[in-house]
All heavy atoms as atom14 arrays in JSON, in Angstrom:
{
  "sequence": "IFGNWRPVGIAIGSSLYGFVEGVRLCCSGETIVALVLLVSLALAAL",
  "atom14_mask": [
    [1, 1, 1, 1, 1, 1, 1, 1, 0, 0, 0, 0, 0, 0],
    [1, 1, 1, 1, 1, 1, 1, 1, 1, 1, 1, 0, 0, 0],
    [1, 1, 1, 1, 0, 0, 0, 0, 0, 0, 0, 0, 0, 0],
    [1, 1, 1, 1, 1, 1, 1, 1, 0, 0, 0, 0, 0, 0],
    [1, 1, 1, 1, 1, 1, 1, 1, 1, 1, 1, 1, 1, 1],
    [1, 1, 1, 1, 1, 1, 1, 1, 1, 1, 1, 0, 0, 0],
    [1, 1, 1, 1, 1, 1, 1, 0, 0, 0, 0, 0, 0, 0],
    [1, 1, 1, 1, 1, 1, 1, 0, 0, 0, 0, 0, 0, 0],
    [1, 1, 1, 1, 0, 0, 0, 0, 0, 0, 0, 0, 0, 0],
    [1, 1, 1, 1, 1, 1, 1, 1, 0, 0, 0, 0, 0, 0],
    [1, 1, 1, 1, 1, 0, 0, 0, 0, 0, 0, 0, 0, 0],
    [1, 1, 1, 1, 1, 1, 1, 1, 0, 0, 0, 0, 0, 0],
    [1, 1, 1, 1, 0, 0, 0, 0, 0, 0, 0, 0, 0, 0],
    [1, 1, 1, 1, 1, 1, 0, 0, 0, 0, 0, 0, 0, 0],
    [1, 1, 1, 1, 1, 1, 0, 0, 0, 0, 0, 0, 0, 0],
    [1, 1, 1, 1, 1, 1, 1, 1, 0, 0, 0, 0, 0, 0],
    [1, 1, 1, 1, 1, 1, 1, 1, 1, 1, 1, 1, 0, 0],
    [1, 1, 1, 1, 0, 0, 0, 0, 0, 0, 0, 0, 0, 0],
    [1, 1, 1, 1, 1, 1, 1, 1, 1, 1, 1, 0, 0, 0],
    [1, 1, 1, 1, 1, 1, 1, 0, 0, 0, 0, 0, 0, 0],
    [1, 1, 1, 1, 1, 1, 1, 1, 1, 0, 0, 0, 0, 0],
    [1, 1, 1, 1, 0, 0, 0, 0, 0, 0, 0, 0, 0, 0],
    [1, 1, 1, 1, 1, 1, 1, 0, 0, 0, 0, 0, 0, 0],
    [1, 1, 1, 1, 1, 1, 1, 1, 1, 1, 1, 0, 0, 0],
    [1, 1, 1, 1, 1, 1, 1, 1, 0, 0, 0, 0, 0, 0],
    [1, 1, 1, 1, 1, 1, 0, 0, 0, 0, 0, 0, 0, 0],
    [1, 1, 1, 1, 1, 1, 0, 0, 0, 0, 0, 0, 0, 0],
    [1, 1, 1, 1, 1, 1, 0, 0, 0, 0, 0, 0, 0, 0],
    [1, 1, 1, 1, 0, 0, 0, 0, 0, 0, 0, 0, 0, 0],
    [1, 1, 1, 1, 1, 1, 1, 1, 1, 0, 0, 0, 0, 0],
    [1, 1, 1, 1, 1, 1, 1, 0, 0, 0, 0, 0, 0, 0],
    [1, 1, 1, 1, 1, 1, 1, 1, 0, 0, 0, 0, 0, 0],
    [1, 1, 1, 1, 1, 1, 1, 0, 0, 0, 0, 0, 0, 0],
    [1, 1, 1, 1, 1, 0, 0, 0, 0, 0, 0, 0, 0, 0],
    [1, 1, 1, 1, 1, 1, 1, 1, 0, 0, 0, 0, 0, 0],
    [1, 1, 1, 1, 1, 1, 1, 0, 0, 0, 0, 0, 0, 0],
    [1, 1, 1, 1, 1, 1, 1, 1, 0, 0, 0, 0, 0, 0],
    [1, 1, 1, 1, 1, 1, 1, 1, 0, 0, 0, 0, 0, 0],
    [1, 1, 1, 1, 1, 1, 1, 0, 0, 0, 0, 0, 0, 0],
    [1, 1, 1, 1, 1, 1, 0, 0, 0, 0, 0, 0, 0, 0],
    [1, 1, 1, 1, 1, 1, 1, 1, 0, 0, 0, 0, 0, 0],
    [1, 1, 1, 1, 1, 0, 0, 0, 0, 0, 0, 0, 0, 0],
    [1, 1, 1, 1, 1, 1, 1, 1, 0, 0, 0, 0, 0, 0],
    [1, 1, 1, 1, 1, 0, 0, 0, 0, 0, 0, 0, 0, 0],
    [1, 1, 1, 1, 1, 0, 0, 0, 0, 0, 0, 0, 0, 0],
    [1, 1, 1, 1, 1, 1, 1, 1, 0, 0, 0, 0, 0, 0]
  ],
  "atom14_positions": [
    [[-80.56, 42.06, -45.22], [-80.55, 43.22, -44.32], [-79.15, 43.46, -43.79], [-78.66, 44.59, -43.76], [-81.54, 42.99, -43.16], [-82.94, 42.7, -43.71], [-81.58, 44.2, -42.23], [-83.93, 42.25, -42.66], [0.0, 0.0, 0.0], [0.0, 0.0, 0.0], [0.0, 0.0, 0.0], [0.0, 0.0, 0.0], [0.0, 0.0, 0.0], [0.0, 0.0, 0.0]],
    [[-78.47, 42.38, -43.38], [-77.1, 42.51, -42.88], [-76.19, 43.14, -43.93], [-75.33, 43.97, -43.6], [-76.58, 41.12, -42.5], [-75.14, 41.11, -42.05], [-74.83, 41.31, -40.72], [-74.12, 40.89, -42.95], [-73.51, 41.29, -40.3], [-72.8, 40.88, -42.54], [-72.49, 41.08, -41.21], [0.0, 0.0, 0.0], [0.0, 0.0, 0.0], [0.0, 0.0, 0.0]],
    [[-76.34, 42.75, -45.19], [-75.5, 43.26, -46.26], [-75.95, 44.56, -46.87], [-75.4, 44.98, -47.88], [0.0, 0.0, 0.0], [0.0, 0.0, 0.0], [0.0, 0.0, 0.0], [0.0, 0.0, 0.0], [0.0, 0.0, 0.0], [0.0, 0.0, 0.0], [0.0, 0.0, 0.0], [0.0, 0.0, 0.0], [0.0, 0.0, 0.0], [0.0, 0.0, 0.0]],
    [[-76.96, 45.2, -46.26], [-77.45, 46.51, -46.73], [-77.88, 46.46, -48.2], [-77.62, 47.38, -48.96], [-76.38, 47.58, -46.52], [-76.98, 48.97, -46.41], [-78.2, 49.15, -46.32], [-76.13, 49.98, -46.46], [0.0, 0.0, 0.0], [0.0, 0.0, 0.0], [0.0, 0.0, 0.0], [0.0, 0.0, 0.0], [0.0, 0.0, 0.0], [0.0, 0.0, 0.0]],
    [[-78.5, 45.37, -48.6], [-79.07, 45.22, -49.93], [-78.02, 45.35, -51.04], [-78.27, 45.91, -52.09], [-80.2, 46.24, -50.15], [-81.41, 45.91, -49.33], [-82.49, 45.16, -49.72], [-81.66, 46.27, -47.97], [-83.39, 45.05, -48.69], [-82.92, 45.72, -47.61], [-80.96, 47.02, -47.03], [-83.47, 45.9, -46.35], [-81.51, 47.18, -45.77], [-82.75, 46.64, -45.44]],
    [[-76.84, 44.78, -50.77], [-75.76, 44.77, -51.76], [-75.13, 43.38, -51.81], [-74.97, 42.72, -50.77], [-74.69, 45.82, -51.43], [-75.19, 47.25, -51.62], [-74.12, 48.27, -51.3], [-74.61, 49.61, -51.58], [-74.53, 50.23, -52.74], [-73.98, 49.6, -53.78], [-75.0, 51.46, -52.91], [0.0, 0.0, 0.0], [0.0, 0.0, 0.0], [0.0, 0.0, 0.0]],
    [[-74.73, 42.91, -53.01], [-74.18, 41.55, -53.13], [-72.96, 41.29, -52.26], [-72.84, 40.23, -51.65], [-73.85, 41.44, -54.62], [-74.75, 42.42, -55.3], [-74.9, 43.55, -54.33], [0.0, 0.0, 0.0], [0.0, 0.0, 0.0], [0.0, 0.0, 0.0], [0.0, 0.0, 0.0], [0.0, 0.0, 0.0], [0.0, 0.0, 0.0], [0.0, 0.0, 0.0]],
    [[-72.03, 42.25, -52.2], [-70.81, 42.03, -51.41], [-71.15, 41.9, -49.93], [-70.62, 41.04, -49.22], [-69.81, 43.18, -51.65], [-68.61, 43.02, -50.72], [-69.35, 43.2, -53.1], [0.0, 0.0, 0.0], [0.0, 0.0, 0.0], [0.0, 0.0, 0.0], [0.0, 0.0, 0.0], [0.0, 0.0, 0.0], [0.0, 0.0, 0.0], [0.0, 0.0, 0.0]],
    [[-72.06, 42.74, -49.44], [-72.47, 42.65, -48.05], [-73.14, 41.33, -47.73], [-72.91, 40.73, -46.66], [0.0, 0.0, 0.0], [0.0, 0.0, 0.0], [0.0, 0.0, 0.0], [0.0, 0.0, 0.0], [0.0, 0.0, 0.0], [0.0, 0.0, 0.0], [0.0, 0.0, 0.0], [0.0, 0.0, 0.0], [0.0, 0.0, 0.0], [0.0, 0.0, 0.0]],
    [[-73.97, 40.85, -48.66], [-74.62, 39.54, -48.46], [-73.57, 38.43, -48.43], [-73.66, 37.49, -47.63], [-75.65, 39.3, -49.59], [-76.79, 40.31, -49.48], [-76.2, 37.88, -49.51], [-77.73, 40.28, -50.66], [0.0, 0.0, 0.0], [0.0, 0.0, 0.0], [0.0, 0.0, 0.0], [0.0, 0.0, 0.0], [0.0, 0.0, 0.0], [0.0, 0.0, 0.0]],
    [[-72.55, 38.53, -49.3], [-71.49, 37.53, -49.32], [-70.71, 37.52, -48.01], [-70.37, 36.46, -47.48], [-70.55, 37.79, -50.49], [0.0, 0.0, 0.0], [0.0, 0.0, 0.0], [0.0, 0.0, 0.0], [0.0, 0.0, 0.0], [0.0, 0.0, 0.0], [0.0, 0.0, 0.0], [0.0, 0.0, 0.0], [0.0, 0.0, 0.0], [0.0, 0.0, 0.0]],
    [[-70.44, 38.7, -47.45], [-69.71, 38.78, -46.18], [-70.54, 38.16, -45.05], [-70.03, 37.36, -44.25], [-69.36, 40.24, -45.86], [-68.34, 40.77, -46.87], [-68.8, 40.36, -44.44], [-68.05, 42.25, -46.74], [0.0, 0.0, 0.0], [0.0, 0.0, 0.0], [0.0, 0.0, 0.0], [0.0, 0.0, 0.0], [0.0, 0.0, 0.0], [0.0, 0.0, 0.0]],
    [[-71.81, 38.53, -44.97], [-72.66, 37.96, -43.94], [-72.8, 36.45, -44.06], [-72.74, 35.72, -43.06], [0.0, 0.0, 0.0], [0.0, 0.0, 0.0], [0.0, 0.0, 0.0], [0.0, 0.0, 0.0], [0.0, 0.0, 0.0], [0.0, 0.0, 0.0], [0.0, 0.0, 0.0], [0.0, 0.0, 0.0], [0.0, 0.0, 0.0], [0.0, 0.0, 0.0]],
    [[-72.96, 35.97, -45.29], [-73.08, 34.52, -45.49], [-71.78, 33.8, -45.14], [-71.8, 32.66, -44.66], [-73.45, 34.24, -46.96], [-74.65, 34.88, -47.31], [0.0, 0.0, 0.0], [0.0, 0.0, 0.0], [0.0, 0.0, 0.0], [0.0, 0.0, 0.0], [0.0, 0.0, 0.0], [0.0, 0.0, 0.0], [0.0, 0.0, 0.0], [0.0, 0.0, 0.0]],
    [[-70.63, 34.47, -45.38], [-69.34, 33.86, -45.03], [-69.21, 33.72, -43.51], [-68.69, 32.7, -43.02], [-68.19, 34.72, -45.58], [-68.26, 34.8, -46.99], [0.0, 0.0, 0.0], [0.0, 0.0, 0.0], [0.0, 0.0, 0.0], [0.0, 0.0, 0.0], [0.0, 0.0, 0.0], [0.0, 0.0, 0.0], [0.0, 0.0, 0.0], [0.0, 0.0, 0.0]],
    [[-69.65, 34.73, -42.77], [-69.6, 34.63, -41.31], [-70.48, 33.49, -40.8], [-70.07, 32.7, -39.94], [-70.04, 35.96, -40.68], [-69.1, 37.15, -40.89], [-69.75, 38.42, -40.35], [-67.76, 36.9, -40.22], [0.0, 0.0, 0.0], [0.0, 0.0, 0.0], [0.0, 0.0, 0.0], [0.0, 0.0, 0.0], [0.0, 0.0, 0.0], [0.0, 0.0, 0.0]],
    [[-71.69, 33.41, -41.36], [-72.58, 32.31, -40.99], [-71.94, 30.97, -41.36], [-71.93, 30.02, -40.56], [-73.91, 32.47, -41.7], [-74.82, 31.26, -41.58], [-75.68, 31.11, -40.52], [-74.79, 30.25, -42.56], [-76.49, 30.0, -40.4], [-75.6, 29.13, -42.45], [-76.45, 29.01, -41.37], [-77.24, 27.9, -41.27], [0.0, 0.0, 0.0], [0.0, 0.0, 0.0]],
    [[-71.4, 30.88, -42.58], [-70.81, 29.64, -43.04], [-69.6, 29.24, -42.21], [-69.38, 28.05, -41.96], [0.0, 0.0, 0.0], [0.0, 0.0, 0.0], [0.0, 0.0, 0.0], [0.0, 0.0, 0.0], [0.0, 0.0, 0.0], [0.0, 0.0, 0.0], [0.0, 0.0, 0.0], [0.0, 0.0, 0.0], [0.0, 0.0, 0.0], [0.0, 0.0, 0.0]],
    [[-68.8, 30.23, -41.76], [-67.62, 29.91, -40.98], [-68.01, 29.27, -39.64], [-67.45, 28.25, -39.24], [-66.79, 31.17, -40.74], [-65.55, 30.94, -39.92], [-64.48, 30.25, -40.45], [-65.48, 31.39, -38.61], [-63.33, 30.01, -39.69], [-64.35, 31.16, -37.84], [-63.27, 30.48, -38.38], [0.0, 0.0, 0.0], [0.0, 0.0, 0.0], [0.0, 0.0, 0.0]],
    [[-68.97, 29.87, -38.95], [-69.41, 29.31, -37.67], [-70.02, 27.92, -37.88], [-69.74, 26.98, -37.13], [-70.42, 30.25, -36.99], [-70.92, 29.66, -35.69], [-69.79, 31.61, -36.73], [0.0, 0.0, 0.0], [0.0, 0.0, 0.0], [0.0, 0.0, 0.0], [0.0, 0.0, 0.0], [0.0, 0.0, 0.0], [0.0, 0.0, 0.0], [0.0, 0.0, 0.0]],
    [[-70.83, 27.78, -38.91], [-71.45, 26.48, -39.19], [-70.41, 25.46, -39.62], [-70.46, 24.28, -39.24], [-72.51, 26.65, -40.29], [-73.29, 25.41, -40.63], [-74.3, 25.02, -39.56], [-74.42, 25.74, -38.55], [-74.97, 23.99, -39.74], [0.0, 0.0, 0.0], [0.0, 0.0, 0.0], [0.0, 0.0, 0.0], [0.0, 0.0, 0.0], [0.0, 0.0, 0.0]],
    [[-69.41, 25.9, -40.41], [-68.35, 24.99, -40.85], [-67.5, 24.5, -39.7], [-67.12, 23.33, -39.65], [0.0, 0.0, 0.0], [0.0, 0.0, 0.0], [0.0, 0.0, 0.0], [0.0, 0.0, 0.0], [0.0, 0.0, 0.0], [0.0, 0.0, 0.0], [0.0, 0.0, 0.0], [0.0, 0.0, 0.0], [0.0, 0.0, 0.0], [0.0, 0.0, 0.0]],
    [[-67.16, 25.4, -38.76], [-66.39, 25.0, -37.59], [-67.17, 23.97, -36.78], [-66.61, 22.99, -36.28], [-66.05, 26.24, -36.73], [-65.53, 25.82, -35.36], [-65.02, 27.1, -37.45], [0.0, 0.0, 0.0], [0.0, 0.0, 0.0], [0.0, 0.0, 0.0], [0.0, 0.0, 0.0], [0.0, 0.0, 0.0], [0.0, 0.0, 0.0], [0.0, 0.0, 0.0]],
    [[-68.47, 24.18, -36.66], [-69.3, 23.23, -35.91], [-69.28, 21.85, -36.55], [-69.25, 20.82, -35.86], [-70.73, 23.74, -35.84], [-71.67, 22.79, -35.11], [-73.09, 23.28, -35.14], [-73.7, 23.14, -36.44], [-74.23, 22.01, -36.91], [-74.18, 20.92, -36.18], [-74.77, 21.96, -38.1], [0.0, 0.0, 0.0], [0.0, 0.0, 0.0], [0.0, 0.0, 0.0]],
    [[-69.28, 21.81, -37.88], [-69.41, 20.53, -38.58], [-68.12, 19.74, -38.64], [-68.14, 18.51, -38.6], [-69.92, 20.78, -40.01], [-71.36, 21.27, -40.15], [-71.67, 21.63, -41.6], [-72.33, 20.21, -39.66], [0.0, 0.0, 0.0], [0.0, 0.0, 0.0], [0.0, 0.0, 0.0], [0.0, 0.0, 0.0], [0.0, 0.0, 0.0], [0.0, 0.0, 0.0]],
    [[-66.98, 20.43, -38.75], [-65.77, 19.68, -39.09], [-64.63, 19.82, -38.09], [-63.59, 19.19, -38.29], [-65.27, 20.11, -40.48], [-64.57, 21.78, -40.51], [0.0, 0.0, 0.0], [0.0, 0.0, 0.0], [0.0, 0.0, 0.0], [0.0, 0.0, 0.0], [0.0, 0.0, 0.0], [0.0, 0.0, 0.0], [0.0, 0.0, 0.0], [0.0, 0.0, 0.0]],
    [[-64.78, 20.63, -37.05], [-63.64, 20.9, -36.19], [-63.8, 20.26, -34.82], [-64.88, 19.84, -34.42], [-63.44, 22.42, -36.04], [-62.97, 23.22, -37.6], [0.0, 0.0, 0.0], [0.0, 0.0, 0.0], [0.0, 0.0, 0.0], [0.0, 0.0, 0.0], [0.0, 0.0, 0.0], [0.0, 0.0, 0.0], [0.0, 0.0, 0.0], [0.0, 0.0, 0.0]],
    [[-62.7, 20.25, -34.09], [-62.66, 19.59, -32.78], [-63.3, 20.47, -31.71], [-63.6, 21.65, -31.92], [-61.21, 19.3, -32.41], [-60.47, 20.52, -32.31], [0.0, 0.0, 0.0], [0.0, 0.0, 0.0], [0.0, 0.0, 0.0], [0.0, 0.0, 0.0], [0.0, 0.0, 0.0], [0.0, 0.0, 0.0], [0.0, 0.0, 0.0], [0.0, 0.0, 0.0]],
    [[-63.45, 19.89, -30.51], [-64.06, 20.63, -29.41], [-63.24, 21.83, -28.98], [-63.78, 22.87, -28.6], [0.0, 0.0, 0.0], [0.0, 0.0, 0.0], [0.0, 0.0, 0.0], [0.0, 0.0, 0.0], [0.0, 0.0, 0.0], [0.0, 0.0, 0.0], [0.0, 0.0, 0.0], [0.0, 0.0, 0.0], [0.0, 0.0, 0.0], [0.0, 0.0, 0.0]],
    [[-61.89, 21.72, -29.03], [-61.03, 22.85, -28.65], [-61.22, 24.02, -29.61], [-61.16, 25.18, -29.19], [-59.57, 22.4, -28.65], [-58.61, 23.41, -28.04], [-58.87, 23.64, -26.57], [-59.28, 22.69, -25.88], [-58.67, 24.78, -26.11], [0.0, 0.0, 0.0], [0.0, 0.0, 0.0], [0.0, 0.0, 0.0], [0.0, 0.0, 0.0], [0.0, 0.0, 0.0]],
    [[-61.48, 23.73, -30.87], [-61.71, 24.79, -31.84], [-63.02, 25.51, -31.54], [-63.11, 26.74, -31.68], [-61.74, 24.21, -33.26], [-60.52, 23.49, -33.49], [-61.87, 25.31, -34.29], [0.0, 0.0, 0.0], [0.0, 0.0, 0.0], [0.0, 0.0, 0.0], [0.0, 0.0, 0.0], [0.0, 0.0, 0.0], [0.0, 0.0, 0.0], [0.0, 0.0, 0.0]],
    [[-64.03, 24.79, -31.13], [-65.31, 25.42, -30.79], [-65.17, 26.27, -29.53], [-65.79, 27.33, -29.41], [-66.39, 24.34, -30.62], [-66.58, 23.58, -31.94], [-67.71, 24.94, -30.17], [-67.53, 22.42, -31.87], [0.0, 0.0, 0.0], [0.0, 0.0, 0.0], [0.0, 0.0, 0.0], [0.0, 0.0, 0.0], [0.0, 0.0, 0.0], [0.0, 0.0, 0.0]],
    [[-64.32, 25.84, -28.6], [-64.02, 26.67, -27.43], [-63.37, 27.98, -27.87], [-63.69, 29.06, -27.36], [-63.12, 25.9, -26.45], [-62.63, 26.81, -25.34], [-63.85, 24.7, -25.87], [0.0, 0.0, 0.0], [0.0, 0.0, 0.0], [0.0, 0.0, 0.0], [0.0, 0.0, 0.0], [0.0, 0.0, 0.0], [0.0, 0.0, 0.0], [0.0, 0.0, 0.0]],
    [[-62.45, 27.91, -28.82], [-61.81, 29.12, -29.35], [-62.84, 30.02, -30.0], [-62.73, 31.26, -29.94], [-60.72, 28.74, -30.35], [0.0, 0.0, 0.0], [0.0, 0.0, 0.0], [0.0, 0.0, 0.0], [0.0, 0.0, 0.0], [0.0, 0.0, 0.0], [0.0, 0.0, 0.0], [0.0, 0.0, 0.0], [0.0, 0.0, 0.0], [0.0, 0.0, 0.0]],
    [[-63.84, 29.42, -30.61], [-64.89, 30.21, -31.25], [-65.67, 31.02, -30.22], [-66.08, 32.16, -30.48], [-65.83, 29.29, -32.04], [-66.82, 29.95, -32.99], [-66.1, 30.71, -34.08], [-67.73, 28.91, -33.6], [0.0, 0.0, 0.0], [0.0, 0.0, 0.0], [0.0, 0.0, 0.0], [0.0, 0.0, 0.0], [0.0, 0.0, 0.0], [0.0, 0.0, 0.0]],
    [[-65.88, 30.46, -29.03], [-66.56, 31.2, -27.96], [-65.77, 32.44, -27.58], [-66.32, 33.54, -27.41], [-66.76, 30.28, -26.73], [-67.33, 31.08, -25.56], [-67.68, 29.13, -27.08], [0.0, 0.0, 0.0], [0.0, 0.0, 0.0], [0.0, 0.0, 0.0], [0.0, 0.0, 0.0], [0.0, 0.0, 0.0], [0.0, 0.0, 0.0], [0.0, 0.0, 0.0]],
    [[-64.45, 32.3, -27.46], [-63.6, 33.45, -27.14], [-63.65, 34.49, -28.25], [-63.7, 35.7, -27.99], [-62.16, 32.98, -26.9], [-61.14, 34.09, -26.57], [-61.56, 34.88, -25.35], [-59.75, 33.49, -26.38], [0.0, 0.0, 0.0], [0.0, 0.0, 0.0], [0.0, 0.0, 0.0], [0.0, 0.0, 0.0], [0.0, 0.0, 0.0], [0.0, 0.0, 0.0]],
    [[-63.64, 34.04, -29.49], [-63.7, 34.97, -30.62], [-65.02, 35.75, -30.62], [-65.03, 36.95, -30.91], [-63.54, 34.22, -31.94], [-62.12, 33.84, -32.36], [-62.15, 33.02, -33.64], [-61.28, 35.09, -32.54], [0.0, 0.0, 0.0], [0.0, 0.0, 0.0], [0.0, 0.0, 0.0], [0.0, 0.0, 0.0], [0.0, 0.0, 0.0], [0.0, 0.0, 0.0]],
    [[-66.1, 35.07, -30.31], [-67.4, 35.76, -30.25], [-67.37, 36.84, -29.17], [-67.84, 37.96, -29.38], [-68.53, 34.75, -29.98], [-69.84, 35.46, -29.68], [-68.71, 33.82, -31.17], [0.0, 0.0, 0.0], [0.0, 0.0, 0.0], [0.0, 0.0, 0.0], [0.0, 0.0, 0.0], [0.0, 0.0, 0.0], [0.0, 0.0, 0.0], [0.0, 0.0, 0.0]],
    [[-66.79, 36.53, -28.02], [-66.69, 37.51, -26.94], [-65.87, 38.71, -27.37], [-66.24, 39.86, -27.13], [-66.07, 36.85, -25.71], [-65.9, 37.8, -24.67], [0.0, 0.0, 0.0], [0.0, 0.0, 0.0], [0.0, 0.0, 0.0], [0.0, 0.0, 0.0], [0.0, 0.0, 0.0], [0.0, 0.0, 0.0], [0.0, 0.0, 0.0], [0.0, 0.0, 0.0]],
    [[-64.74, 38.48, -28.03], [-63.89, 39.58, -28.49], [-64.58, 40.41, -29.57], [-64.46, 41.64, -29.58], [-62.56, 39.03, -29.01], [-61.66, 38.36, -27.97], [-60.44, 37.74, -28.64], [-61.23, 39.36, -26.9], [0.0, 0.0, 0.0], [0.0, 0.0, 0.0], [0.0, 0.0, 0.0], [0.0, 0.0, 0.0], [0.0, 0.0, 0.0], [0.0, 0.0, 0.0]],
    [[-65.29, 39.75, -30.47], [-66.0, 40.48, -31.53], [-67.08, 41.37, -30.94], [-67.26, 42.53, -31.37], [-66.61, 39.49, -32.53], [0.0, 0.0, 0.0], [0.0, 0.0, 0.0], [0.0, 0.0, 0.0], [0.0, 0.0, 0.0], [0.0, 0.0, 0.0], [0.0, 0.0, 0.0], [0.0, 0.0, 0.0], [0.0, 0.0, 0.0], [0.0, 0.0, 0.0]],
    [[-67.8, 40.87, -29.95], [-68.83, 41.69, -29.32], [-68.22, 42.84, -28.52], [-68.8, 43.93, -28.46], [-69.68, 40.81, -28.41], [-70.6, 39.81, -29.13], [-71.25, 38.87, -28.13], [-71.65, 40.52, -29.95], [0.0, 0.0, 0.0], [0.0, 0.0, 0.0], [0.0, 0.0, 0.0], [0.0, 0.0, 0.0], [0.0, 0.0, 0.0], [0.0, 0.0, 0.0]],
    [[-67.04, 42.61, -27.92], [-66.37, 43.7, -27.21], [-65.96, 44.81, -28.18], [-66.12, 46.01, -27.89], [-65.15, 43.15, -26.48], [0.0, 0.0, 0.0], [0.0, 0.0, 0.0], [0.0, 0.0, 0.0], [0.0, 0.0, 0.0], [0.0, 0.0, 0.0], [0.0, 0.0, 0.0], [0.0, 0.0, 0.0], [0.0, 0.0, 0.0], [0.0, 0.0, 0.0]],
    [[-65.44, 44.42, -29.35], [-65.09, 45.43, -30.36], [-66.33, 46.17, -30.85], [-66.3, 47.39, -31.08], [-64.38, 44.75, -31.53], [0.0, 0.0, 0.0], [0.0, 0.0, 0.0], [0.0, 0.0, 0.0], [0.0, 0.0, 0.0], [0.0, 0.0, 0.0], [0.0, 0.0, 0.0], [0.0, 0.0, 0.0], [0.0, 0.0, 0.0], [0.0, 0.0, 0.0]],
    [[-67.43, 45.44, -31.0], [-68.68, 46.07, -31.41], [-69.17, 47.06, -30.35], [-69.69, 48.14, -30.67], [-69.73, 45.0, -31.67], [-71.08, 45.45, -32.26], [-70.87, 46.13, -33.6], [-72.01, 44.27, -32.4], [0.0, 0.0, 0.0], [0.0, 0.0, 0.0], [0.0, 0.0, 0.0], [0.0, 0.0, 0.0], [0.0, 0.0, 0.0], [0.0, 0.0, 0.0]]
  ]
}
């Protein structure tokens, strides 16, 4: 649904999911704090 029934859109949505999940798995606490700020900025742009 996120990718509007197209392969490229599905790949973009999966990359966003994978990036957040990847940061959670392998990065430090300061990086996760930065992720919170990025989420806030992304929602502001939206």
